[in-house]
C-alpha atoms as a PDB file:
ATOM      1  CA  MET A   1      71.638   4.442  31.741  1.00  0.00           C
ATOM      2  CA  LYS A   2      70.945   5.188  35.411  1.00  0.00           C
ATOM      3  CA  SER A   3      71.114   8.935  34.870  1.00  0.00           C
ATOM      4  CA  GLY A   4      68.664   8.572  31.947  1.00  0.00           C
ATOM      5  CA  LYS A   5      66.159   6.499  33.931  1.00  0.00           C
ATOM      6  CA  ALA A   6      65.973   8.857  36.916  1.00  0.00           C
ATOM      7  CA  PRO A   7      64.341  11.774  35.034  1.00  0.00           C
ATOM      8  CA  LEU A   8      61.907   9.351  33.388  1.00  0.00           C
ATOM      9  CA  LEU A   9      60.979   7.865  36.760  1.00  0.00           C
ATOM     10  CA  ARG A  10      60.550  11.335  38.230  1.00  0.00           C
ATOM     11  CA  LEU A  11      58.311  12.308  35.293  1.00  0.00           C
ATOM     12  CA  PHE A  12      56.302   9.084  35.740  1.00  0.00           C
ATOM     13  CA  PHE A  13      55.734   9.670  39.444  1.00  0.00           C
ATOM     14  CA  ALA A  14      54.934  13.331  38.796  1.00  0.00           C
ATOM     15  CA  ALA A  15      52.322  12.310  36.232  1.00  0.00           C
ATOM     16  CA  VAL A  16      50.798   9.774  38.650  1.00  0.00           C
ATOM     17  CA  THR A  17      50.749  12.373  41.426  1.00  0.00           C
ATOM     18  CA  LEU A  18      49.091  14.937  39.124  1.00  0.00           C
ATOM     19  CA  ALA A  19      46.472  12.399  38.029  1.00  0.00           C
ATOM     20  CA  LEU A  20      45.678  11.549  41.637  1.00  0.00           C
ATOM     21  CA  CYS A  21      45.398  15.232  42.540  1.00  0.00           C
ATOM     22  CA  LEU A  22      43.054  15.864  39.606  1.00  0.00           C
ATOM     23  CA  GLU A  23      40.928  12.849  40.596  1.00  0.00           C
ATOM     24  CA  GLN A  24      40.748  14.009  44.214  1.00  0.00           C
ATOM     25  CA  SER A  25      39.860  17.520  43.048  1.00  0.00           C
ATOM     26  CA  SER A  26      37.085  16.144  40.846  1.00  0.00           C
ATOM     27  CA  LEU A  27      35.742  14.040  43.708  1.00  0.00           C
ATOM     28  CA  ALA A  28      35.863  17.010  46.033  1.00  0.00           C
ATOM     29  CA  GLN A  29      33.798  19.087  43.603  1.00  0.00           C
ATOM     30  CA  SER A  30      31.216  16.291  43.201  1.00  0.00           C
ATOM     31  CA  ARG A  31      30.761  15.799  46.923  1.00  0.00           C
ATOM     32  CA  GLN A  32      27.625  16.962  48.683  1.00  0.00           C
ATOM     33  CA  ASN A  33      29.039  20.198  50.027  1.00  0.00           C
ATOM     34  CA  PHE A  34      26.272  22.763  49.736  1.00  0.00           C
ATOM     35  CA  THR A  35      24.094  24.023  52.581  1.00  0.00           C
ATOM     36  CA  LEU A  36      20.655  25.524  51.986  1.00  0.00           C
ATOM     37  CA  PHE A  37      19.322  27.570  54.890  1.00  0.00           C
ATOM     38  CA  GLY A  38      17.028  30.447  55.707  1.00  0.00           C
ATOM     39  CA  ASP A  39      14.878  32.216  58.264  1.00  0.00           C
ATOM     40  CA  ILE A  40      11.113  31.780  58.359  1.00  0.00           C
ATOM     41  CA  LYS A  41       8.782  34.516  59.540  1.00  0.00           C
ATOM     42  CA  VAL A  42       5.011  34.202  59.807  1.00  0.00           C
ATOM     43  CA  ASP A  43       3.122  37.451  60.308  1.00  0.00           C
ATOM     44  CA  ASP A  44       0.167  36.481  62.513  1.00  0.00           C
ATOM     45  CA  THR A  45      -0.911  40.002  63.461  1.00  0.00           C
ATOM     46  CA  GLN A  46      -4.197  39.539  61.575  1.00  0.00           C
ATOM     47  CA  ILE A  47      -5.202  36.655  63.832  1.00  0.00           C
ATOM     48  CA  GLU A  48      -7.130  37.640  66.938  1.00  0.00           C
ATOM     49  CA  GLU A  49      -6.216  34.593  69.019  1.00  0.00           C
ATOM     50  CA  ARG A  50      -2.531  33.843  68.562  1.00  0.00           C
ATOM     51  CA  LYS A  51      -0.797  30.644  69.508  1.00  0.00           C
ATOM     52  CA  PRO A  52       2.673  29.161  68.979  1.00  0.00           C
ATOM     53  CA  ILE A  53       3.231  28.210  65.343  1.00  0.00           C
ATOM     54  CA  THR A  54       5.071  25.059  64.297  1.00  0.00           C
ATOM     55  CA  LEU A  55       6.151  24.707  60.686  1.00  0.00           C
ATOM     56  CA  ASP A  56       7.631  21.808  58.756  1.00  0.00           C
ATOM     57  CA  VAL A  57      10.141  22.700  56.049  1.00  0.00           C
ATOM     58  CA  LEU A  58      10.394  19.986  53.390  1.00  0.00           C
ATOM     59  CA  LEU A  59      13.110  19.752  50.764  1.00  0.00           C
ATOM     60  CA  TYR A  60      12.346  18.126  47.405  1.00  0.00           C
ATOM     61  CA  LYS A  61      14.511  17.336  44.401  1.00  0.00           C
ATOM     62  CA  GLY A  62      13.018  15.949  41.208  1.00  0.00           C
ATOM     63  CA  GLY A  63       9.723  15.444  43.015  1.00  0.00           C
ATOM     64  CA  ALA A  64      11.311  13.227  45.682  1.00  0.00           C
ATOM     65  CA  LEU A  65      11.356  14.222  49.352  1.00  0.00           C
ATOM     66  CA  ILE A  66      14.973  14.666  50.477  1.00  0.00           C
ATOM     67  CA  SER A  67      14.654  15.922  54.031  1.00  0.00           C
ATOM     68  CA  ARG A  68      12.377  17.638  56.526  1.00  0.00           C
ATOM     69  CA  HIS A  69      13.062  20.145  59.281  1.00  0.00           C
ATOM     70  CA  ARG A  70      10.658  21.366  61.975  1.00  0.00           C
ATOM     71  CA  VAL A  71      10.939  24.951  63.220  1.00  0.00           C
ATOM     72  CA  GLY A  72       8.907  27.529  65.090  1.00  0.00           C
ATOM     73  CA  ASN A  73       7.983  31.019  63.942  1.00  0.00           C
ATOM     74  CA  PHE A  74      11.090  33.182  63.433  1.00  0.00           C
ATOM     75  CA  GLY A  75      13.050  29.935  63.267  1.00  0.00           C
ATOM     76  CA  ARG A  76      15.860  28.886  60.934  1.00  0.00           C
ATOM     77  CA  TYR A  77      15.957  25.759  58.788  1.00  0.00           C
ATOM     78  CA  ARG A  78      19.155  24.221  57.438  1.00  0.00           C
ATOM     79  CA  PHE A  79      19.718  21.412  54.920  1.00  0.00           C
ATOM     80  CA  MET A  80      23.335  20.320  54.623  1.00  0.00           C
ATOM     81  CA  ASN A  81      25.429  18.121  52.340  1.00  0.00           C
ATOM     82  CA  LEU A  82      23.545  18.892  49.129  1.00  0.00           C
ATOM     83  CA  LEU A  83      24.614  18.461  45.526  1.00  0.00           C
ATOM     84  CA  ALA A  84      24.210  21.255  43.013  1.00  0.00           C
ATOM     85  CA  GLY A  85      20.842  21.247  41.267  1.00  0.00           C
ATOM     86  CA  MET A  86      17.259  22.506  41.342  1.00  0.00           C
ATOM     87  CA  TYR A  87      15.429  22.054  44.646  1.00  0.00           C
ATOM     88  CA  GLU A  88      11.979  22.871  45.976  1.00  0.00           C
ATOM     89  CA  VAL A  89      11.339  24.069  49.521  1.00  0.00           C
ATOM     90  CA  ALA A  90       7.811  23.506  50.818  1.00  0.00           C
ATOM     91  CA  ILE A  91       6.290  24.812  54.050  1.00  0.00           C
ATOM     92  CA  GLU A  92       3.641  22.796  55.850  1.00  0.00           C
ATOM     93  CA  ILE A  93       1.521  23.806  58.833  1.00  0.00           C
ATOM     94  CA  GLU A  94      -0.172  20.874  60.549  1.00  0.00           C
ATOM     95  CA  ASN A  95       0.768  18.655  57.587  1.00  0.00           C
ATOM     96  CA  VAL A  96      -0.889  20.976  55.068  1.00  0.00           C
ATOM     97  CA  GLU A  97       1.346  22.530  52.416  1.00  0.00           C
ATOM     98  CA  VAL A  98       0.930  26.300  52.296  1.00  0.00           C
ATOM     99  CA  VAL A  99       3.738  27.362  49.961  1.00  0.00           C
ATOM    100  CA  ARG A 100       6.395  25.842  47.690  1.00  0.00           C
ATOM    101  CA  LEU A 101       9.415  27.693  46.284  1.00  0.00           C
ATOM    102  CA  SER A 102      12.138  26.664  43.839  1.00  0.00           C
ATOM    103  CA  LYS A 103      15.821  27.280  44.454  1.00  0.00           C
ATOM    104  CA  LEU A 104      18.709  26.576  42.104  1.00  0.00           C
ATOM    105  CA  ILE A 105      21.967  25.584  43.824  1.00  0.00           C
ATOM    106  CA  ALA A 106      24.862  26.022  41.436  1.00  0.00           C
ATOM    107  CA  GLY A 107      28.634  26.333  41.631  1.00  0.00           C
ATOM    108  CA  GLN A 108      31.756  24.260  41.943  1.00  0.00           C
ATOM    109  CA  TYR A 109      32.689  24.803  45.555  1.00  0.00           C
ATOM    110  CA  ALA A 110      31.092  24.278  48.925  1.00  0.00           C
ATOM    111  CA  ASP A 111      28.958  27.257  49.798  1.00  0.00           C
ATOM    112  CA  ASP A 112      25.956  28.360  51.835  1.00  0.00           C
ATOM    113  CA  VAL A 113      22.833  29.250  49.868  1.00  0.00           C
ATOM    114  CA  ARG A 114      20.199  31.339  51.628  1.00  0.00           C
ATOM    115  CA  LEU A 115      16.442  31.354  51.023  1.00  0.00           C
ATOM    116  CA  ASP A 116      14.423  33.362  53.563  1.00  0.00           C
ATOM    117  CA  ILE A 117      10.649  32.840  53.591  1.00  0.00           C
ATOM    118  CA  SER A 118       8.024  35.301  54.834  1.00  0.00           C
ATOM    119  CA  LEU A 119       4.361  34.336  55.160  1.00  0.00           C
ATOM    120  CA  VAL A 120       1.194  36.082  56.285  1.00  0.00           C
ATOM    121  CA  TRP A 121      -1.400  34.172  58.300  1.00  0.00           C
ATOM    122  CA  ARG A 122      -4.805  35.512  57.284  1.00  0.00           C
ATOM    123  CA  PRO A 123      -8.116  34.656  58.949  1.00  0.00           C
ATOM    124  CA  LEU A 124     -10.803  32.798  57.065  1.00  0.00           C
ATOM    125  CA  ILE A 125     -13.064  35.649  55.941  1.00  0.00           C
ATOM    126  CA  GLU A 126     -16.033  33.668  54.681  1.00  0.00           C
ATOM    127  CA  GLN A 127     -17.222  30.156  55.347  1.00  0.00           C
ATOM    128  CA  ARG A 128     -20.196  28.771  53.486  1.00  0.00           C
ATOM    129  CA  ALA A 129     -22.966  27.253  55.541  1.00  0.00           C
ATOM    130  CA  GLY A 130     -22.732  23.508  55.796  1.00  0.00           C
ATOM    131  CA  LYS A 131     -19.187  23.456  54.446  1.00  0.00           C
ATOM    132  CA  ALA A 132     -16.363  22.557  56.771  1.00  0.00           C
ATOM    133  CA  GLY A 133     -13.364  24.827  56.989  1.00  0.00           C
ATOM    134  CA  ILE A 134      -9.805  24.045  57.961  1.00  0.00           C
ATOM    135  CA  ILE A 135      -9.409  24.437  61.694  1.00  0.00           C
ATOM    136  CA  SER A 136      -6.478  23.887  63.978  1.00  0.00           C
ATOM    137  CA  VAL A 137      -7.024  20.594  65.758  1.00  0.00           C
ATOM    138  CA  ALA A 138      -3.568  19.150  66.401  1.00  0.00           C
ATOM    139  CA  ASP A 139      -3.158  21.171  69.580  1.00  0.00           C
ATOM    140  CA  SER A 140      -6.833  21.347  70.562  1.00  0.00           C
ATOM    141  CA  TYR A 141      -7.511  17.584  70.385  1.00  0.00           C
ATOM    142  CA  SER A 142      -8.502  16.505  73.887  1.00  0.00           C
ATOM    143  CA  ARG A 143      -5.699  14.423  75.379  1.00  0.00           C
ATOM    144  CA  SER A 144      -4.747  13.255  78.839  1.00  0.00           C
ATOM    145  CA  HIS A 145      -1.697  14.780  80.489  1.00  0.00           C
ATOM    146  CA  ARG A 146       0.384  11.721  79.550  1.00  0.00           C
ATOM    147  CA  ALA A 147      -0.844  11.811  75.951  1.00  0.00           C
ATOM    148  CA  ARG A 148      -0.025  15.531  75.653  1.00  0.00           C
ATOM    149  CA  SER A 149       3.486  14.812  76.921  1.00  0.00           C
ATOM    150  CA  LEU A 150       3.905  12.051  74.349  1.00  0.00           C
ATOM    151  CA  PHE A 151       2.673  14.281  71.502  1.00  0.00           C
ATOM    152  CA  GLN A 152       5.094  17.043  72.526  1.00  0.00           C
ATOM    153  CA  LYS A 153       7.905  14.495  72.830  1.00  0.00           C
ATOM    154  CA  SER A 154       7.238  13.207  69.311  1.00  0.00           C
ATOM    155  CA  SER A 155       7.380  16.781  67.973  1.00  0.00           C
ATOM    156  CA  ARG A 156      10.819  17.260  69.540  1.00  0.00           C
ATOM    157  CA  GLU A 157      11.976  13.940  68.114  1.00  0.00           C
ATOM    158  CA  ILE A 158      10.809  14.906  64.625  1.00  0.00           C
ATOM    159  CA  GLU A 159      12.536  18.274  64.958  1.00  0.00           C
ATOM    160  CA  SER A 160      15.825  16.549  65.840  1.00  0.00           C
ATOM    161  CA  LYS A 161      15.239  13.999  63.012  1.00  0.00           C
ATOM    162  CA  ASN A 162      15.042  11.131  65.503  1.00  0.00           C
ATOM    163  CA  TYR A 163      12.429   9.449  63.332  1.00  0.00           C
ATOM    164  CA  ILE A 164      12.787   5.997  64.924  1.00  0.00           C
ATOM    165  CA  GLY A 165      12.109   7.539  68.327  1.00  0.00           C
ATOM    166  CA  ALA A 166       9.180   9.553  66.948  1.00  0.00           C
ATOM    167  CA  ILE A 167       7.605   6.416  65.454  1.00  0.00           C
ATOM    168  CA  ALA A 168       7.840   4.593  68.782  1.00  0.00           C
ATOM    169  CA  THR A 169       6.393   7.552  70.689  1.00  0.00           C
ATOM    170  CA  LEU A 170       3.517   8.128  68.267  1.00  0.00           C
ATOM    171  CA  ARG A 171       2.776   4.406  68.075  1.00  0.00           C
ATOM    172  CA  THR A 172       2.386   4.364  71.860  1.00  0.00           C
ATOM    173  CA  LEU A 173       0.063   7.353  71.600  1.00  0.00           C
ATOM    174  CA  VAL A 174      -2.273   5.926  68.940  1.00  0.00           C
ATOM    175  CA  THR A 175      -2.300   2.500  70.591  1.00  0.00           C
ATOM    176  CA  SER A 176      -3.639   4.050  73.781  1.00  0.00           C
ATOM    177  CA  ASP A 177      -6.062   6.283  71.824  1.00  0.00           C
ATOM    178  CA  PRO A 178      -6.863   5.033  68.287  1.00  0.00           C
ATOM    179  CA  LYS A 179      -9.124   8.080  67.737  1.00  0.00           C
ATOM    180  CA  ASP A 180      -6.233  10.571  67.983  1.00  0.00           C
ATOM    181  CA  PHE A 181      -6.336  11.462  64.282  1.00  0.00           C
ATOM    182  CA  PRO A 182      -3.705  14.270  64.430  1.00  0.00           C
ATOM    183  CA  ALA A 183      -1.269  11.773  65.952  1.00  0.00           C
ATOM    184  CA  TRP A 184      -2.076   9.266  63.198  1.00  0.00           C
ATOM    185  CA  VAL A 185      -1.238  11.915  60.601  1.00  0.00           C
ATOM    186  CA  GLU A 186       2.033  12.768  62.354  1.00  0.00           C
ATOM    187  CA  LEU A 187       2.940   9.077  62.396  1.00  0.00           C
ATOM    188  CA  GLY A 188       2.050   8.773  58.723  1.00  0.00           C
ATOM    189  CA  MET A 189       4.242  11.755  57.852  1.00  0.00           C
ATOM    190  CA  VAL A 190       7.239  10.235  59.618  1.00  0.00           C
ATOM    191  CA  HIS A 191       6.774   7.016  57.644  1.00  0.00           C
ATOM    192  CA  TYR A 192       6.367   9.113  54.482  1.00  0.00           C
ATOM    193  CA  ILE A 193       9.676  10.848  55.149  1.00  0.00           C
ATOM    194  CA  ARG A 194      11.336   7.447  55.556  1.00  0.00           C
ATOM    195  CA  LYS A 195       9.650   6.320  52.300  1.00  0.00           C
ATOM    196  CA  ASP A 196       7.732   3.598  54.156  1.00  0.00           C
ATOM    197  CA  PHE A 197       4.737   4.326  51.957  1.00  0.00           C
ATOM    198  CA  ASP A 198       2.675   1.271  52.923  1.00  0.00           C
ATOM    199  CA  GLU A 199       2.924   2.176  56.611  1.00  0.00           C
ATOM    200  CA  ALA A 200       2.187   5.828  55.842  1.00  0.00           C
ATOM    201  CA  GLU A 201      -0.930   4.888  53.883  1.00  0.00           C
ATOM    202  CA  MET A 202      -2.267   2.788  56.762  1.00  0.00           C
ATOM    203  CA  CYS A 203      -1.695   5.666  59.203  1.00  0.00           C
ATOM    204  CA  PHE A 204      -3.514   8.186  57.010  1.00  0.00           C
ATOM    205  CA  LEU A 205      -6.375   5.708  56.538  1.00  0.00           C
ATOM    206  CA  SER A 206      -6.619   5.323  60.329  1.00  0.00           C
ATOM    207  CA  ALA A 207      -6.787   9.116  60.632  1.00  0.00           C
ATOM    208  CA  THR A 208      -9.641   9.340  58.100  1.00  0.00           C
ATOM    209  CA  GLU A 209     -11.521   6.575  59.914  1.00  0.00           C
ATOM    210  CA  ALA A 210     -11.222   8.501  63.168  1.00  0.00           C
ATOM    211  CA  GLN A 211     -12.132  11.844  61.545  1.00  0.00           C
ATOM    212  CA  PRO A 212     -13.480  11.575  57.956  1.00  0.00           C
ATOM    213  CA  THR A 213     -13.397  15.356  57.348  1.00  0.00           C
ATOM    214  CA  TYR A 214      -9.836  16.038  58.519  1.00  0.00           C
ATOM    215  CA  PHE A 215      -8.139  17.749  55.578  1.00  0.00           C
ATOM    216  CA  PRO A 216      -4.495  16.775  56.391  1.00  0.00           C
ATOM    217  CA  ALA A 217      -5.458  13.089  56.600  1.00  0.00           C
ATOM    218  CA  LEU A 218      -7.291  13.087  53.257  1.00  0.00           C
ATOM    219  CA  PHE A 219      -4.700  15.249  51.501  1.00  0.00           C
ATOM    220  CA  ASN A 220      -1.745  13.147  52.674  1.00  0.00           C
ATOM    221  CA  LEU A 221      -3.548   9.894  51.889  1.00  0.00           C
ATOM    222  CA  GLY A 222      -3.853  11.098  48.308  1.00  0.00           C
ATOM    223  CA  ARG A 223      -0.258  12.287  48.271  1.00  0.00           C
ATOM    224  CA  VAL A 224       1.209   8.995  49.498  1.00  0.00           C
ATOM    225  CA  ARG A 225      -0.829   7.074  46.928  1.00  0.00           C
ATOM    226  CA  LEU A 226       0.636   9.301  44.233  1.00  0.00           C
ATOM    227  CA  ALA A 227       4.094   8.414  45.537  1.00  0.00           C
ATOM    228  CA  MET A 228       3.100   4.741  45.330  1.00  0.00           C
ATOM    229  CA  LYS A 229       1.949   5.347  41.706  1.00  0.00           C
ATOM    230  CA  ASN A 230      -1.544   4.224  42.688  1.00  0.00           C
ATOM    231  CA  TYR A 231      -3.078   7.118  40.792  1.00  0.00           C
ATOM    232  CA  GLU A 232      -6.672   5.918  40.627  1.00  0.00           C
ATOM    233  CA  ALA A 233      -6.816   5.335  44.390  1.00  0.00           C
ATOM    234  CA  ALA A 234      -5.320   8.800  45.011  1.00  0.00           C
ATOM    235  CA  ILE A 235      -8.232  10.603  43.362  1.00  0.00           C
ATOM    236  CA  GLN A 236     -10.950   9.906  45.954  1.00  0.00           C
ATOM    237  CA  PRO A 237      -9.141  11.336  49.028  1.00  0.00           C
ATOM    238  CA  LEU A 238      -7.788  14.278  47.025  1.00  0.00           C
ATOM    239  CA  GLU A 239     -11.245  15.167  45.724  1.00  0.00           C
ATOM    240  CA  ALA A 240     -12.625  14.792  49.258  1.00  0.00           C
ATOM    241  CA  SER A 241      -9.945  17.120  50.632  1.00  0.00           C
ATOM    242  CA  LEU A 242     -10.718  19.644  47.888  1.00  0.00           C
ATOM    243  CA  LYS A 243     -14.349  19.767  49.057  1.00  0.00           C
ATOM    244  CA  ILE A 244     -13.046  20.813  52.477  1.00  0.00           C
ATOM    245  CA  ASN A 245     -10.559  23.353  51.140  1.00  0.00           C
ATOM    246  CA  SER A 246     -11.359  24.407  47.590  1.00  0.00           C
ATOM    247  CA  THR A 247      -8.583  27.041  47.583  1.00  0.00           C
ATOM    248  CA  SER A 248      -5.717  24.561  47.865  1.00  0.00           C
ATOM    249  CA  GLY A 249      -3.487  24.990  44.828  1.00  0.00           C
ATOM    250  CA  VAL A 250      -1.365  21.949  45.591  1.00  0.00           C
ATOM    251  CA  THR A 251      -4.426  19.673  45.905  1.00  0.00           C
ATOM    252  CA  ASN A 252      -5.574  20.770  42.463  1.00  0.00           C
ATOM    253  CA  TYR A 253      -2.069  20.155  41.150  1.00  0.00           C
ATOM    254  CA  PHE A 254      -1.945  16.632  42.582  1.00  0.00           C
ATOM    255  CA  LEU A 255      -5.375  15.838  41.149  1.00  0.00           C
ATOM    256  CA  GLY A 256      -4.222  17.079  37.763  1.00  0.00           C
ATOM    257  CA  GLU A 257      -1.134  14.871  38.027  1.00  0.00           C
ATOM    258  CA  ALA A 258      -3.218  11.828  38.970  1.00  0.00           C
ATOM    259  CA  TYR A 259      -5.555  12.261  35.995  1.00  0.00           C
ATOM    260  CA  LEU A 260      -2.599  12.981  33.713  1.00  0.00           C
ATOM    261  CA  GLN A 261      -0.957   9.704  34.733  1.00  0.00           C
ATOM    262  CA  MET A 262      -4.242   7.922  34.047  1.00  0.00           C
ATOM    263  CA  LYS A 263      -4.249   9.328  30.473  1.00  0.00           C
ATOM    264  CA  LYS A 264      -7.262  11.531  31.202  1.00  0.00           C
ATOM    265  CA  GLY A 265      -5.776  14.768  29.940  1.00  0.00           C
ATOM    266  CA  SER A 266      -9.066  16.584  29.414  1.00  0.00           C
ATOM    267  CA  ILE A 267      -9.809  16.303  33.144  1.00  0.00           C
ATOM    268  CA  ALA A 268      -6.206  17.011  34.168  1.00  0.00           C
ATOM    269  CA  VAL A 269      -6.175  20.338  32.302  1.00  0.00           C
ATOM    270  CA  GLY A 270      -8.940  21.776  34.468  1.00  0.00           C
ATOM    271  CA  TYR A 271      -7.216  20.932  37.744  1.00  0.00           C
ATOM    272  CA  LEU A 272      -3.772  22.096  36.593  1.00  0.00           C
ATOM    273  CA  ASN A 273      -5.145  25.436  35.388  1.00  0.00           C
ATOM    274  CA  GLN A 274      -7.031  25.874  38.663  1.00  0.00           C
ATOM    275  CA  ALA A 275      -3.793  25.210  40.569  1.00  0.00           C
ATOM    276  CA  LEU A 276      -2.172  28.026  38.599  1.00  0.00           C
ATOM    277  CA  ARG A 277      -5.055  30.389  39.248  1.00  0.00           C
ATOM    278  CA  LEU A 278      -4.883  29.737  42.981  1.00  0.00           C
ATOM    279  CA  ASP A 279      -1.078  29.792  43.308  1.00  0.00           C
ATOM    280  CA  PRO A 280       0.578  31.140  40.122  1.00  0.00           C
ATOM    281  CA  ILE A 281       4.143  31.010  41.462  1.00  0.00           C
ATOM    282  CA  GLY A 282       4.090  28.072  43.844  1.00  0.00           C
ATOM    283  CA  MET A 283       2.379  25.817  41.319  1.00  0.00           C
ATOM    284  CA  ALA A 284       4.427  27.012  38.324  1.00  0.00           C
ATOM    285  CA  ASP A 285       5.391  23.405  37.542  1.00  0.00           C
ATOM    286  CA  ALA A 286       1.826  22.937  36.322  1.00  0.00           C
ATOM    287  CA  HIS A 287       2.906  24.829  33.189  1.00  0.00           C
ATOM    288  CA  LEU A 288       5.419  22.049  32.497  1.00  0.00           C
ATOM    289  CA  ARG A 289       2.795  19.347  32.922  1.00  0.00           C
ATOM    290  CA  LEU A 290       0.383  21.227  30.636  1.00  0.00           C
ATOM    291  CA  ALA A 291       3.130  21.748  28.065  1.00  0.00           C
ATOM    292  CA  THR A 292       3.871  18.016  28.065  1.00  0.00           C
ATOM    293  CA  LEU A 293       0.189  17.280  27.575  1.00  0.00           C
ATOM    294  CA  TYR A 294      -0.208  19.780  24.724  1.00  0.00           C
ATOM    295  CA  ASN A 295       2.973  18.625  23.017  1.00  0.00           C
ATOM    296  CA  GLY A 296       1.754  15.015  23.085  1.00  0.00           C
ATOM    297  CA  ALA A 297      -1.492  16.145  21.481  1.00  0.00           C
ATOM    298  CA  GLY A 298       0.407  17.976  18.736  1.00  0.00           C
ATOM    299  CA  LEU A 299      -0.584  21.413  20.036  1.00  0.00           C
ATOM    300  CA  LYS A 300       2.846  22.977  19.734  1.00  0.00           C
ATOM    301  CA  GLU A 301       1.706  26.593  20.050  1.00  0.00           C
ATOM    302  CA  ALA A 302      -0.145  25.838  23.285  1.00  0.00           C
ATOM    303  CA  ALA A 303       2.917  24.010  24.638  1.00  0.00           C
ATOM    304  CA  ILE A 304       5.118  26.992  23.736  1.00  0.00           C
ATOM    305  CA  GLY A 305       2.782  29.315  25.630  1.00  0.00           C
ATOM    306  CA  GLU A 306       3.047  27.165  28.764  1.00  0.00           C
ATOM    307  CA  TYR A 307       6.844  26.997  28.542  1.00  0.00           C
ATOM    308  CA  GLU A 308       7.076  30.766  28.101  1.00  0.00           C
ATOM    309  CA  GLN A 309       4.870  31.422  31.119  1.00  0.00           C
ATOM    310  CA  PHE A 310       6.906  28.953  33.177  1.00  0.00           C
ATOM    311  CA  LEU A 311      10.231  30.589  32.281  1.00  0.00           C
ATOM    312  CA  LYS A 312       8.894  34.007  33.264  1.00  0.00           C
ATOM    313  CA  LYS A 313       8.139  32.636  36.712  1.00  0.00           C
ATOM    314  CA  ARG A 314      11.263  30.465  36.993  1.00  0.00           C
ATOM    315  CA  PRO A 315      14.016  32.349  35.116  1.00  0.00           C
ATOM    316  CA  ASP A 316      16.727  30.349  36.907  1.00  0.00           C
ATOM    317  CA  TYR A 317      15.317  26.960  35.821  1.00  0.00           C
ATOM    318  CA  SER A 318      18.213  24.520  35.454  1.00  0.00           C
ATOM    319  CA  ASP A 319      16.978  23.087  32.114  1.00  0.00           C
ATOM    320  CA  ARG A 320      16.107  26.471  30.633  1.00  0.00           C
ATOM    321  CA  LYS A 321      18.141  25.980  27.456  1.00  0.00           C
ATOM    322  CA  ARG A 322      16.173  22.875  26.504  1.00  0.00           C
ATOM    323  CA  LEU A 323      12.863  24.715  26.843  1.00  0.00           C
ATOM    324  CA  GLU A 324      14.189  27.680  24.867  1.00  0.00           C
ATOM    325  CA  GLN A 325      15.343  25.308  22.134  1.00  0.00           C
ATOM    326  CA  TYR A 326      11.862  23.760  21.975  1.00  0.00           C
ATOM    327  CA  ILE A 327      10.322  27.230  21.689  1.00  0.00           C
ATOM    328  CA  SER A 328      12.769  28.214  18.951  1.00  0.00           C
ATOM    329  CA  ASP A 329      12.273  24.985  16.991  1.00  0.00           C
ATOM    330  CA  ASN A 330       8.469  25.069  17.070  1.00  0.00           C
ATOM    331  CA  LYS A 331       7.549  28.753  17.013  1.00  0.00           C
ATOM    332  CA  LYS A 332       5.935  29.833  13.791  1.00  0.00           C
ATOM    333  CA  ARG A 333       7.868  32.504  11.987  1.00  0.00           C
END
């Protein structure tokens, strides 16, 4: 009996050990092991008066902000501990989004995924009389020596992701000078990163009160209200920011999204198409929103056209098979 039990016990323990190994292996593969990184280069040779450039690199997944990294020109960003999936990398200069790229992270093992970004800084060629243009004010805002030191300190804290420290520093700055609208926007962005949307909204409102025509304040006020699902309230600041910068693809996209959520598809279509005209690649997701709108209206052929255009621009889209199936099921033979 004893000799018969020993092999069975060994088999039992071997099976348990194998099961544990398989479970650990599965957990290891589902861990956040990927790193997304890249170098950023901004060609500013077309600008007569150069100055140091600071860029914010934002990482989104499913429309939600995951992380943010601040770098200088010729700097390197790095986002670690990521799961596989489709991500979007956006670049902001002075809290204004200038480009957004998609990147699919796929695979079973920990790996580094590289996405280098090159931009060209072009001068504003034409500015209509009586119409404000976007100007650099974050560095040119008149501050005392102490206030300048605080603003620079907050930038370092944001870069090192010390958001609690940055909030305290920026709060000191705006308390001493409530008219420092670039500082209000910086403070609002830190709260936005932390998903403290109510606080972010109040900061962006304070910035617009101090400077009603400051594009980053208006744009980000609209953006945070979209995040709060307060779509109707998001429209006014977004439309105001569009009057300041009519060539902003992302502002048109956000306005289209706001009207779409309010069931005003006929208005949304115009803004979404304008976003695509201004930034065909960066705003490619507008094709998906238009396709959803057309499908709901029973316009299958129009929806197919949007999906086909989207897939040409985003061939590595993670849900490509579903879109191809829709096209196949609804395309007229």
